[in-house]
Amino acid sequence: MGIKIGIIAGSFKPLHAGHFNLITRASQECDAVSLFASLSDRGSVTGAKMQRIWTEHLFKVIPKNVALVLCHNPVRGVYEFLGEHDKGTSDDRFYFYSDPADINKNFSSQGLKKYVGRLYEGSQLVMVPVERVGEFNVSGTQVRKHIERRDRTAFISCLPECVDAGAIWDILVGG
């Protein structure tokens, strides 16, 4: 039997408490986690700013079994990653952690069957829908609106407690 590999893909513009909940849960339930994060720009939250935030702040707080993959299209990155495993004889299992709507949109059975059929047919792909509830009921759109409105307090309330939210605010807003 192979290992359990968690898969998380998103723009993370910026990473918020809901994202961090997914990462933490996957790291606790899997042997390894591949976290695919976008370097593309989304409004005022640029890929360059997020790369700086990942380097200066987020690498320090993500669990040790999480490997960050920075790319321009995280969903494509996941399919390429899985494609490499689909070619071989891997018996690893892959667990997709995301909001239920995003799982259905980005990783449909039809798409998985088409692009990584061996893994799909071998039941090596497992969907782990995680609802946004309670303190984790936050969206990137909501957080970016706080940035646009220059609402520092609301922005900081959406980030995980383990990060220096003020420093992240300063990078995104410019001080």
N, C-alpha and C. Protein backbone atom coordinates (compact mmCIF):
# COMPACT_ATOMS: atom_id res chain seq x y z
N MET A 1 0.84 -1.19 0.00
CA MET A 1 0.00 0.00 0.00
C MET A 1 0.88 1.24 0.00
N GLY A 2 0.53 2.19 -0.84
CA GLY A 2 1.28 3.44 -0.94
C GLY A 2 0.95 4.40 0.17
N ILE A 3 1.36 5.63 -0.03
CA ILE A 3 1.12 6.65 0.98
C ILE A 3 -0.12 7.48 0.62
N LYS A 4 -0.61 8.21 1.62
CA LYS A 4 -1.74 9.12 1.44
C LYS A 4 -1.17 10.50 1.14
N ILE A 5 -1.52 11.04 -0.04
CA ILE A 5 -1.04 12.35 -0.46
C ILE A 5 -2.24 13.30 -0.55
N GLY A 6 -2.23 14.36 0.23
CA GLY A 6 -3.27 15.38 0.16
C GLY A 6 -2.98 16.32 -1.00
N ILE A 7 -4.03 16.78 -1.63
CA ILE A 7 -3.93 17.72 -2.75
C ILE A 7 -4.81 18.92 -2.41
N ILE A 8 -4.22 20.11 -2.45
CA ILE A 8 -4.99 21.34 -2.27
C ILE A 8 -4.55 22.30 -3.37
N ALA A 9 -5.51 22.85 -4.10
CA ALA A 9 -5.20 23.78 -5.17
C ALA A 9 -6.04 25.04 -5.00
N GLY A 10 -5.42 26.19 -5.20
CA GLY A 10 -6.18 27.42 -5.10
C GLY A 10 -5.34 28.64 -5.44
N SER A 11 -6.01 29.76 -5.51
CA SER A 11 -5.27 31.00 -5.78
C SER A 11 -4.61 31.52 -4.51
N PHE A 12 -5.28 31.31 -3.37
CA PHE A 12 -4.75 31.78 -2.08
C PHE A 12 -4.38 33.25 -2.16
N LYS A 13 -5.32 34.05 -2.64
CA LYS A 13 -5.09 35.48 -2.81
C LYS A 13 -5.97 36.27 -1.86
N PRO A 14 -5.57 36.49 -0.66
CA PRO A 14 -4.45 35.88 0.05
C PRO A 14 -4.90 34.64 0.82
N LEU A 15 -3.94 33.95 1.40
CA LEU A 15 -4.25 32.81 2.26
C LEU A 15 -5.03 33.32 3.47
N HIS A 16 -6.14 32.68 3.78
CA HIS A 16 -6.96 33.09 4.92
C HIS A 16 -7.21 31.90 5.86
N ALA A 17 -7.96 32.11 6.91
CA ALA A 17 -8.18 31.07 7.92
C ALA A 17 -8.82 29.81 7.34
N GLY A 18 -9.72 29.95 6.37
CA GLY A 18 -10.34 28.79 5.74
C GLY A 18 -9.31 27.95 4.99
N HIS A 19 -8.43 28.63 4.26
CA HIS A 19 -7.35 27.91 3.57
C HIS A 19 -6.46 27.19 4.58
N PHE A 20 -6.12 27.90 5.65
CA PHE A 20 -5.21 27.31 6.63
C PHE A 20 -5.86 26.10 7.30
N ASN A 21 -7.16 26.14 7.49
CA ASN A 21 -7.90 24.99 8.03
C ASN A 21 -7.75 23.78 7.10
N LEU A 22 -7.91 24.00 5.79
CA LEU A 22 -7.74 22.91 4.82
C LEU A 22 -6.34 22.32 4.90
N ILE A 23 -5.35 23.20 4.93
CA ILE A 23 -3.95 22.76 4.96
C ILE A 23 -3.67 21.96 6.23
N THR A 24 -4.12 22.46 7.36
CA THR A 24 -3.90 21.78 8.63
C THR A 24 -4.58 20.41 8.65
N ARG A 25 -5.82 20.39 8.23
CA ARG A 25 -6.56 19.12 8.22
C ARG A 25 -5.88 18.10 7.32
N ALA A 26 -5.53 18.52 6.10
CA ALA A 26 -4.88 17.59 5.16
C ALA A 26 -3.55 17.10 5.73
N SER A 27 -2.80 17.98 6.36
CA SER A 27 -1.49 17.58 6.90
C SER A 27 -1.63 16.57 8.04
N GLN A 28 -2.73 16.64 8.77
CA GLN A 28 -2.98 15.70 9.86
C GLN A 28 -3.49 14.35 9.36
N GLU A 29 -4.19 14.36 8.25
CA GLU A 29 -4.82 13.14 7.74
C GLU A 29 -4.00 12.42 6.68
N CYS A 30 -2.97 13.07 6.15
CA CYS A 30 -2.18 12.49 5.06
C CYS A 30 -0.70 12.42 5.44
N ASP A 31 0.01 11.55 4.73
CA ASP A 31 1.46 11.44 4.95
C ASP A 31 2.19 12.65 4.39
N ALA A 32 1.71 13.14 3.26
CA ALA A 32 2.31 14.30 2.60
C ALA A 32 1.19 15.10 1.95
N VAL A 33 1.42 16.39 1.77
CA VAL A 33 0.43 17.26 1.12
C VAL A 33 1.14 18.08 0.06
N SER A 34 0.54 18.14 -1.13
CA SER A 34 1.02 19.02 -2.19
C SER A 34 0.04 20.17 -2.29
N LEU A 35 0.54 21.36 -2.04
CA LEU A 35 -0.26 22.58 -2.01
C LEU A 35 0.08 23.40 -3.25
N PHE A 36 -0.85 23.50 -4.18
CA PHE A 36 -0.65 24.21 -5.44
C PHE A 36 -1.24 25.62 -5.30
N ALA A 37 -0.37 26.63 -5.31
CA ALA A 37 -0.79 28.02 -5.10
C ALA A 37 -0.45 28.85 -6.33
N SER A 38 -1.35 29.73 -6.67
CA SER A 38 -1.22 30.54 -7.89
C SER A 38 -0.23 31.70 -7.73
N LEU A 39 0.52 31.92 -8.80
CA LEU A 39 1.38 33.10 -8.88
C LEU A 39 0.76 34.17 -9.77
N SER A 40 -0.44 33.91 -10.30
CA SER A 40 -1.12 34.89 -11.14
C SER A 40 -1.64 36.02 -10.27
N ASP A 41 -1.86 37.16 -10.90
CA ASP A 41 -2.41 38.31 -10.18
C ASP A 41 -3.93 38.17 -10.06
N ARG A 42 -4.46 38.65 -8.96
CA ARG A 42 -5.90 38.73 -8.78
C ARG A 42 -6.17 40.08 -8.13
N GLY A 43 -6.55 41.03 -8.97
CA GLY A 43 -6.76 42.39 -8.48
C GLY A 43 -5.47 42.96 -7.92
N SER A 44 -5.56 43.59 -6.77
CA SER A 44 -4.38 44.20 -6.15
C SER A 44 -3.48 43.18 -5.46
N VAL A 45 -3.95 41.95 -5.35
CA VAL A 45 -3.15 40.89 -4.73
C VAL A 45 -2.37 40.20 -5.84
N THR A 46 -1.15 40.66 -6.04
CA THR A 46 -0.34 40.15 -7.14
C THR A 46 0.40 38.87 -6.76
N GLY A 47 0.78 38.15 -7.79
CA GLY A 47 1.59 36.96 -7.58
C GLY A 47 2.90 37.28 -6.90
N ALA A 48 3.50 38.41 -7.27
CA ALA A 48 4.78 38.81 -6.67
C ALA A 48 4.62 39.10 -5.18
N LYS A 49 3.54 39.78 -4.80
CA LYS A 49 3.31 40.05 -3.38
C LYS A 49 3.06 38.76 -2.62
N MET A 50 2.29 37.85 -3.22
CA MET A 50 2.00 36.58 -2.54
C MET A 50 3.26 35.72 -2.43
N GLN A 51 4.11 35.77 -3.44
CA GLN A 51 5.36 35.00 -3.35
C GLN A 51 6.19 35.52 -2.18
N ARG A 52 6.22 36.82 -2.01
CA ARG A 52 6.94 37.42 -0.87
C ARG A 52 6.31 36.98 0.45
N ILE A 53 4.98 36.99 0.52
CA ILE A 53 4.29 36.58 1.74
C ILE A 53 4.56 35.11 2.04
N TRP A 54 4.51 34.25 1.02
CA TRP A 54 4.83 32.84 1.23
C TRP A 54 6.24 32.70 1.79
N THR A 55 7.19 33.39 1.16
CA THR A 55 8.59 33.27 1.55
C THR A 55 8.86 33.82 2.95
N GLU A 56 8.35 35.00 3.23
CA GLU A 56 8.67 35.67 4.49
C GLU A 56 7.80 35.25 5.66
N HIS A 57 6.59 34.76 5.40
CA HIS A 57 5.65 34.52 6.50
C HIS A 57 5.02 33.13 6.53
N LEU A 58 4.58 32.64 5.39
CA LEU A 58 3.76 31.43 5.41
C LEU A 58 4.57 30.13 5.48
N PHE A 59 5.77 30.11 4.89
CA PHE A 59 6.62 28.92 5.00
C PHE A 59 6.86 28.55 6.45
N LYS A 60 6.91 29.55 7.30
CA LYS A 60 7.21 29.33 8.72
C LYS A 60 6.08 28.62 9.46
N VAL A 61 4.86 28.74 8.97
CA VAL A 61 3.71 28.23 9.72
C VAL A 61 3.02 27.02 9.09
N ILE A 62 3.33 26.72 7.84
CA ILE A 62 2.68 25.54 7.27
C ILE A 62 3.36 24.28 7.81
N PRO A 63 2.58 23.24 8.01
CA PRO A 63 3.14 21.99 8.56
C PRO A 63 4.29 21.45 7.70
N LYS A 64 5.17 20.73 8.33
CA LYS A 64 6.40 20.25 7.68
C LYS A 64 6.13 19.24 6.56
N ASN A 65 5.00 18.55 6.59
CA ASN A 65 4.72 17.57 5.53
C ASN A 65 3.99 18.18 4.33
N VAL A 66 3.93 19.51 4.27
CA VAL A 66 3.28 20.21 3.17
C VAL A 66 4.34 20.77 2.23
N ALA A 67 4.25 20.39 0.95
CA ALA A 67 5.15 20.91 -0.08
C ALA A 67 4.39 21.94 -0.91
N LEU A 68 4.93 23.14 -0.99
CA LEU A 68 4.30 24.22 -1.74
C LEU A 68 4.77 24.17 -3.19
N VAL A 69 3.80 24.23 -4.12
CA VAL A 69 4.10 24.29 -5.54
C VAL A 69 3.51 25.60 -6.05
N LEU A 70 4.36 26.57 -6.35
CA LEU A 70 3.90 27.85 -6.87
C LEU A 70 3.81 27.73 -8.39
N CYS A 71 2.64 28.07 -8.95
CA CYS A 71 2.43 27.94 -10.38
C CYS A 71 1.38 28.96 -10.83
N HIS A 72 1.23 29.13 -12.12
CA HIS A 72 0.25 30.11 -12.60
C HIS A 72 -1.16 29.54 -12.65
N ASN A 73 -1.29 28.24 -12.83
CA ASN A 73 -2.61 27.61 -12.88
C ASN A 73 -2.60 26.39 -11.97
N PRO A 74 -3.06 26.53 -10.72
CA PRO A 74 -3.00 25.43 -9.77
C PRO A 74 -3.74 24.17 -10.20
N VAL A 75 -4.89 24.30 -10.83
CA VAL A 75 -5.65 23.11 -11.25
C VAL A 75 -4.85 22.36 -12.32
N ARG A 76 -4.29 23.08 -13.27
CA ARG A 76 -3.45 22.44 -14.28
C ARG A 76 -2.24 21.79 -13.61
N GLY A 77 -1.67 22.46 -12.62
CA GLY A 77 -0.54 21.90 -11.89
C GLY A 77 -0.89 20.57 -11.23
N VAL A 78 -2.09 20.48 -10.68
CA VAL A 78 -2.54 19.22 -10.05
C VAL A 78 -2.64 18.13 -11.10
N TYR A 79 -3.27 18.45 -12.24
CA TYR A 79 -3.42 17.44 -13.29
C TYR A 79 -2.05 16.98 -13.81
N GLU A 80 -1.10 17.90 -13.95
CA GLU A 80 0.25 17.51 -14.39
C GLU A 80 0.92 16.62 -13.35
N PHE A 81 0.78 16.98 -12.08
CA PHE A 81 1.34 16.19 -10.98
C PHE A 81 0.75 14.78 -10.99
N LEU A 82 -0.57 14.70 -11.08
CA LEU A 82 -1.24 13.40 -11.11
C LEU A 82 -0.89 12.62 -12.37
N GLY A 83 -0.70 13.33 -13.46
CA GLY A 83 -0.34 12.68 -14.72
C GLY A 83 0.96 11.90 -14.61
N GLU A 84 1.90 12.44 -13.87
CA GLU A 84 3.16 11.73 -13.66
C GLU A 84 2.94 10.44 -12.88
N HIS A 85 2.07 10.49 -11.90
CA HIS A 85 1.76 9.29 -11.11
C HIS A 85 0.91 8.30 -11.91
N ASP A 86 0.10 8.83 -12.82
CA ASP A 86 -0.78 7.98 -13.62
C ASP A 86 0.02 7.12 -14.60
N LYS A 87 1.18 7.58 -15.01
CA LYS A 87 2.02 6.86 -15.98
C LYS A 87 2.69 5.63 -15.37
N GLY A 88 2.93 5.67 -14.08
CA GLY A 88 3.69 4.60 -13.44
C GLY A 88 2.82 3.54 -12.81
N THR A 89 3.38 2.94 -11.80
CA THR A 89 2.66 1.86 -11.10
C THR A 89 2.39 2.24 -9.65
N SER A 90 2.36 3.53 -9.38
CA SER A 90 2.16 4.02 -8.02
C SER A 90 0.85 3.48 -7.43
N ASP A 91 0.94 3.07 -6.17
CA ASP A 91 -0.29 2.70 -5.48
C ASP A 91 -0.64 3.72 -4.39
N ASP A 92 -0.05 4.92 -4.52
CA ASP A 92 -0.39 6.01 -3.61
C ASP A 92 -1.85 6.39 -3.83
N ARG A 93 -2.46 6.96 -2.77
CA ARG A 93 -3.82 7.47 -2.87
C ARG A 93 -3.76 8.98 -2.72
N PHE A 94 -4.59 9.67 -3.47
CA PHE A 94 -4.59 11.13 -3.52
C PHE A 94 -5.92 11.65 -3.00
N TYR A 95 -5.85 12.54 -2.02
CA TYR A 95 -7.03 13.07 -1.34
C TYR A 95 -7.16 14.56 -1.67
N PHE A 96 -8.25 14.93 -2.32
CA PHE A 96 -8.49 16.31 -2.74
C PHE A 96 -9.27 17.04 -1.66
N TYR A 97 -8.68 18.06 -1.07
CA TYR A 97 -9.32 18.86 -0.03
C TYR A 97 -9.74 20.20 -0.64
N SER A 98 -11.02 20.49 -0.55
CA SER A 98 -11.51 21.77 -1.06
C SER A 98 -12.97 21.94 -0.68
N ASP A 99 -13.45 23.14 -0.92
CA ASP A 99 -14.87 23.44 -0.83
C ASP A 99 -15.60 22.52 -1.82
N PRO A 100 -16.76 21.97 -1.45
CA PRO A 100 -17.46 21.04 -2.34
C PRO A 100 -17.70 21.59 -3.76
N ALA A 101 -18.07 22.85 -3.87
CA ALA A 101 -18.33 23.43 -5.20
C ALA A 101 -17.05 23.47 -6.03
N ASP A 102 -15.92 23.80 -5.40
CA ASP A 102 -14.66 23.85 -6.13
C ASP A 102 -14.20 22.46 -6.56
N ILE A 103 -14.43 21.47 -5.72
CA ILE A 103 -14.08 20.10 -6.11
C ILE A 103 -14.87 19.72 -7.37
N ASN A 104 -16.17 19.96 -7.35
CA ASN A 104 -17.01 19.58 -8.50
C ASN A 104 -16.61 20.35 -9.76
N LYS A 105 -16.26 21.61 -9.60
CA LYS A 105 -15.89 22.45 -10.75
C LYS A 105 -14.53 22.06 -11.32
N ASN A 106 -13.54 21.87 -10.45
CA ASN A 106 -12.16 21.69 -10.91
C ASN A 106 -11.74 20.23 -11.10
N PHE A 107 -12.39 19.31 -10.39
CA PHE A 107 -11.95 17.92 -10.43
C PHE A 107 -13.15 16.98 -10.62
N SER A 108 -13.86 17.20 -11.71
CA SER A 108 -15.03 16.36 -12.00
C SER A 108 -14.58 14.94 -12.33
N SER A 109 -15.49 13.99 -12.13
CA SER A 109 -15.16 12.60 -12.48
C SER A 109 -14.81 12.48 -13.95
N GLN A 110 -15.51 13.24 -14.79
CA GLN A 110 -15.24 13.18 -16.23
C GLN A 110 -13.82 13.64 -16.54
N GLY A 111 -13.40 14.77 -15.94
CA GLY A 111 -12.04 15.28 -16.17
C GLY A 111 -10.98 14.34 -15.63
N LEU A 112 -11.21 13.83 -14.43
CA LEU A 112 -10.24 12.91 -13.83
C LEU A 112 -10.12 11.63 -14.65
N LYS A 113 -11.24 11.10 -15.09
CA LYS A 113 -11.23 9.87 -15.89
C LYS A 113 -10.46 10.12 -17.20
N LYS A 114 -10.67 11.28 -17.79
CA LYS A 114 -10.03 11.61 -19.08
C LYS A 114 -8.52 11.77 -18.94
N TYR A 115 -8.08 12.50 -17.89
CA TYR A 115 -6.67 12.87 -17.79
C TYR A 115 -5.82 11.95 -16.92
N VAL A 116 -6.43 11.30 -15.96
CA VAL A 116 -5.67 10.39 -15.08
C VAL A 116 -6.50 9.12 -14.85
N GLY A 117 -6.81 8.49 -15.95
CA GLY A 117 -7.72 7.35 -15.94
C GLY A 117 -7.27 6.17 -15.11
N ARG A 118 -5.96 5.86 -15.11
CA ARG A 118 -5.49 4.71 -14.34
C ARG A 118 -5.72 4.95 -12.85
N LEU A 119 -5.39 6.14 -12.38
CA LEU A 119 -5.61 6.47 -10.97
C LEU A 119 -7.11 6.48 -10.65
N TYR A 120 -7.89 7.05 -11.57
CA TYR A 120 -9.33 7.12 -11.37
C TYR A 120 -9.94 5.72 -11.31
N GLU A 121 -9.62 4.90 -12.28
CA GLU A 121 -10.17 3.54 -12.34
C GLU A 121 -9.70 2.69 -11.17
N GLY A 122 -8.51 2.98 -10.64
CA GLY A 122 -7.97 2.23 -9.52
C GLY A 122 -8.45 2.74 -8.17
N SER A 123 -9.41 3.66 -8.19
CA SER A 123 -9.96 4.24 -6.96
C SER A 123 -8.88 4.84 -6.06
N GLN A 124 -7.89 5.47 -6.69
CA GLN A 124 -6.80 6.09 -5.95
C GLN A 124 -7.03 7.58 -5.72
N LEU A 125 -8.17 8.09 -6.19
CA LEU A 125 -8.50 9.51 -6.04
C LEU A 125 -9.71 9.62 -5.12
N VAL A 126 -9.55 10.37 -4.04
CA VAL A 126 -10.59 10.49 -3.03
C VAL A 126 -10.91 11.97 -2.82
N MET A 127 -12.18 12.33 -2.92
CA MET A 127 -12.60 13.70 -2.70
C MET A 127 -12.92 13.91 -1.22
N VAL A 128 -12.40 14.99 -0.66
CA VAL A 128 -12.65 15.33 0.74
C VAL A 128 -13.27 16.74 0.76
N PRO A 129 -14.58 16.83 0.56
CA PRO A 129 -15.22 18.14 0.59
C PRO A 129 -15.22 18.70 2.01
N VAL A 130 -14.80 19.95 2.13
CA VAL A 130 -14.74 20.60 3.44
C VAL A 130 -15.61 21.86 3.37
N GLU A 131 -16.68 21.84 4.13
CA GLU A 131 -17.61 22.97 4.15
C GLU A 131 -16.99 24.16 4.88
N ARG A 132 -17.35 25.35 4.44
CA ARG A 132 -16.94 26.58 5.12
C ARG A 132 -17.93 26.85 6.24
N VAL A 133 -17.50 26.64 7.47
CA VAL A 133 -18.39 26.84 8.61
C VAL A 133 -17.66 27.59 9.71
N GLY A 134 -18.44 28.22 10.57
CA GLY A 134 -17.90 28.89 11.74
C GLY A 134 -16.79 29.86 11.41
N GLU A 135 -15.70 29.77 12.15
CA GLU A 135 -14.58 30.70 11.97
C GLU A 135 -13.89 30.51 10.62
N PHE A 136 -14.19 29.41 9.91
CA PHE A 136 -13.56 29.14 8.62
C PHE A 136 -14.46 29.51 7.46
N ASN A 137 -15.58 30.16 7.74
CA ASN A 137 -16.51 30.59 6.71
C ASN A 137 -16.06 31.94 6.16
N VAL A 138 -15.00 31.89 5.38
CA VAL A 138 -14.41 33.09 4.81
C VAL A 138 -14.02 32.77 3.38
N SER A 139 -14.08 33.77 2.51
CA SER A 139 -13.70 33.55 1.11
C SER A 139 -12.63 34.56 0.70
N GLY A 140 -11.89 34.20 -0.33
CA GLY A 140 -10.88 35.12 -0.86
C GLY A 140 -11.51 36.41 -1.36
N THR A 141 -12.68 36.31 -1.98
CA THR A 141 -13.38 37.50 -2.46
C THR A 141 -13.66 38.45 -1.30
N GLN A 142 -14.14 37.91 -0.21
CA GLN A 142 -14.44 38.70 0.99
C GLN A 142 -13.16 39.39 1.51
N VAL A 143 -12.07 38.65 1.56
CA VAL A 143 -10.81 39.19 2.09
C VAL A 143 -10.28 40.29 1.16
N ARG A 144 -10.37 40.06 -0.16
CA ARG A 144 -9.91 41.09 -1.11
C ARG A 144 -10.76 42.35 -1.01
N LYS A 145 -12.06 42.23 -0.69
CA LYS A 145 -12.90 43.42 -0.50
C LYS A 145 -12.43 44.22 0.71
N HIS A 146 -11.99 43.53 1.76
CA HIS A 146 -11.44 44.24 2.92
C HIS A 146 -10.20 45.03 2.52
N ILE A 147 -9.40 44.47 1.64
CA ILE A 147 -8.20 45.17 1.15
C ILE A 147 -8.61 46.40 0.35
N GLU A 148 -9.55 46.21 -0.59
CA GLU A 148 -10.02 47.32 -1.43
C GLU A 148 -10.58 48.46 -0.59
N ARG A 149 -11.29 48.12 0.48
CA ARG A 149 -11.90 49.13 1.35
C ARG A 149 -10.93 49.67 2.40
N ARG A 150 -9.72 49.11 2.40
CA ARG A 150 -8.68 49.50 3.37
C ARG A 150 -9.15 49.25 4.81
N ASP A 151 -9.88 48.14 4.99
CA ASP A 151 -10.39 47.77 6.30
C ASP A 151 -9.43 46.77 6.94
N ARG A 152 -8.41 47.29 7.57
CA ARG A 152 -7.34 46.48 8.15
C ARG A 152 -7.87 45.52 9.22
N THR A 153 -8.75 46.00 10.08
CA THR A 153 -9.29 45.17 11.17
C THR A 153 -10.05 43.97 10.63
N ALA A 154 -10.92 44.20 9.64
CA ALA A 154 -11.69 43.09 9.05
C ALA A 154 -10.76 42.13 8.33
N PHE A 155 -9.75 42.66 7.63
CA PHE A 155 -8.78 41.82 6.93
C PHE A 155 -8.06 40.90 7.92
N ILE A 156 -7.54 41.49 8.98
CA ILE A 156 -6.78 40.73 9.97
C ILE A 156 -7.65 39.65 10.62
N SER A 157 -8.93 39.93 10.80
CA SER A 157 -9.82 38.94 11.42
C SER A 157 -10.02 37.69 10.55
N CYS A 158 -9.71 37.78 9.28
CA CYS A 158 -9.89 36.66 8.35
C CYS A 158 -8.65 35.77 8.22
N LEU A 159 -7.53 36.22 8.76
CA LEU A 159 -6.29 35.45 8.62
C LEU A 159 -6.11 34.49 9.78
N PRO A 160 -5.32 33.43 9.56
CA PRO A 160 -5.06 32.50 10.67
C PRO A 160 -4.29 33.21 11.79
N GLU A 161 -4.55 32.81 13.02
CA GLU A 161 -3.92 33.46 14.17
C GLU A 161 -2.41 33.28 14.21
N CYS A 162 -1.90 32.27 13.53
CA CYS A 162 -0.47 31.94 13.61
C CYS A 162 0.41 32.80 12.70
N VAL A 163 -0.19 33.71 11.93
CA VAL A 163 0.61 34.55 11.03
C VAL A 163 0.69 35.98 11.56
N ASP A 164 1.68 36.71 11.06
CA ASP A 164 1.81 38.13 11.39
C ASP A 164 0.92 38.89 10.40
N ALA A 165 -0.35 38.99 10.73
CA ALA A 165 -1.35 39.57 9.83
C ALA A 165 -1.03 41.03 9.50
N GLY A 166 -0.50 41.76 10.47
CA GLY A 166 -0.14 43.16 10.22
C GLY A 166 0.94 43.28 9.17
N ALA A 167 1.93 42.42 9.21
CA ALA A 167 3.01 42.45 8.22
C ALA A 167 2.48 42.06 6.84
N ILE A 168 1.56 41.09 6.81
CA ILE A 168 0.97 40.69 5.53
C ILE A 168 0.13 41.84 4.97
N TRP A 169 -0.62 42.51 5.82
CA TRP A 169 -1.38 43.69 5.40
C TRP A 169 -0.44 44.73 4.80
N ASP A 170 0.68 44.98 5.46
CA ASP A 170 1.62 45.99 4.96
C ASP A 170 2.17 45.61 3.58
N ILE A 171 2.43 44.35 3.34
CA ILE A 171 2.91 43.92 2.02
C ILE A 171 1.83 44.13 0.97
N LEU A 172 0.59 43.77 1.29
CA LEU A 172 -0.48 43.84 0.31
C LEU A 172 -0.95 45.27 0.05
N VAL A 173 -0.95 46.08 1.09
CA VAL A 173 -1.50 47.43 0.96
C VAL A 173 -0.40 48.48 0.81
N GLY A 174 0.80 48.13 1.25
CA GLY A 174 1.91 49.06 1.08
C GLY A 174 2.13 49.97 2.27
N GLY A 175 1.75 49.48 3.45
CA GLY A 175 2.07 50.23 4.66
C GLY A 175 0.99 50.94 5.31
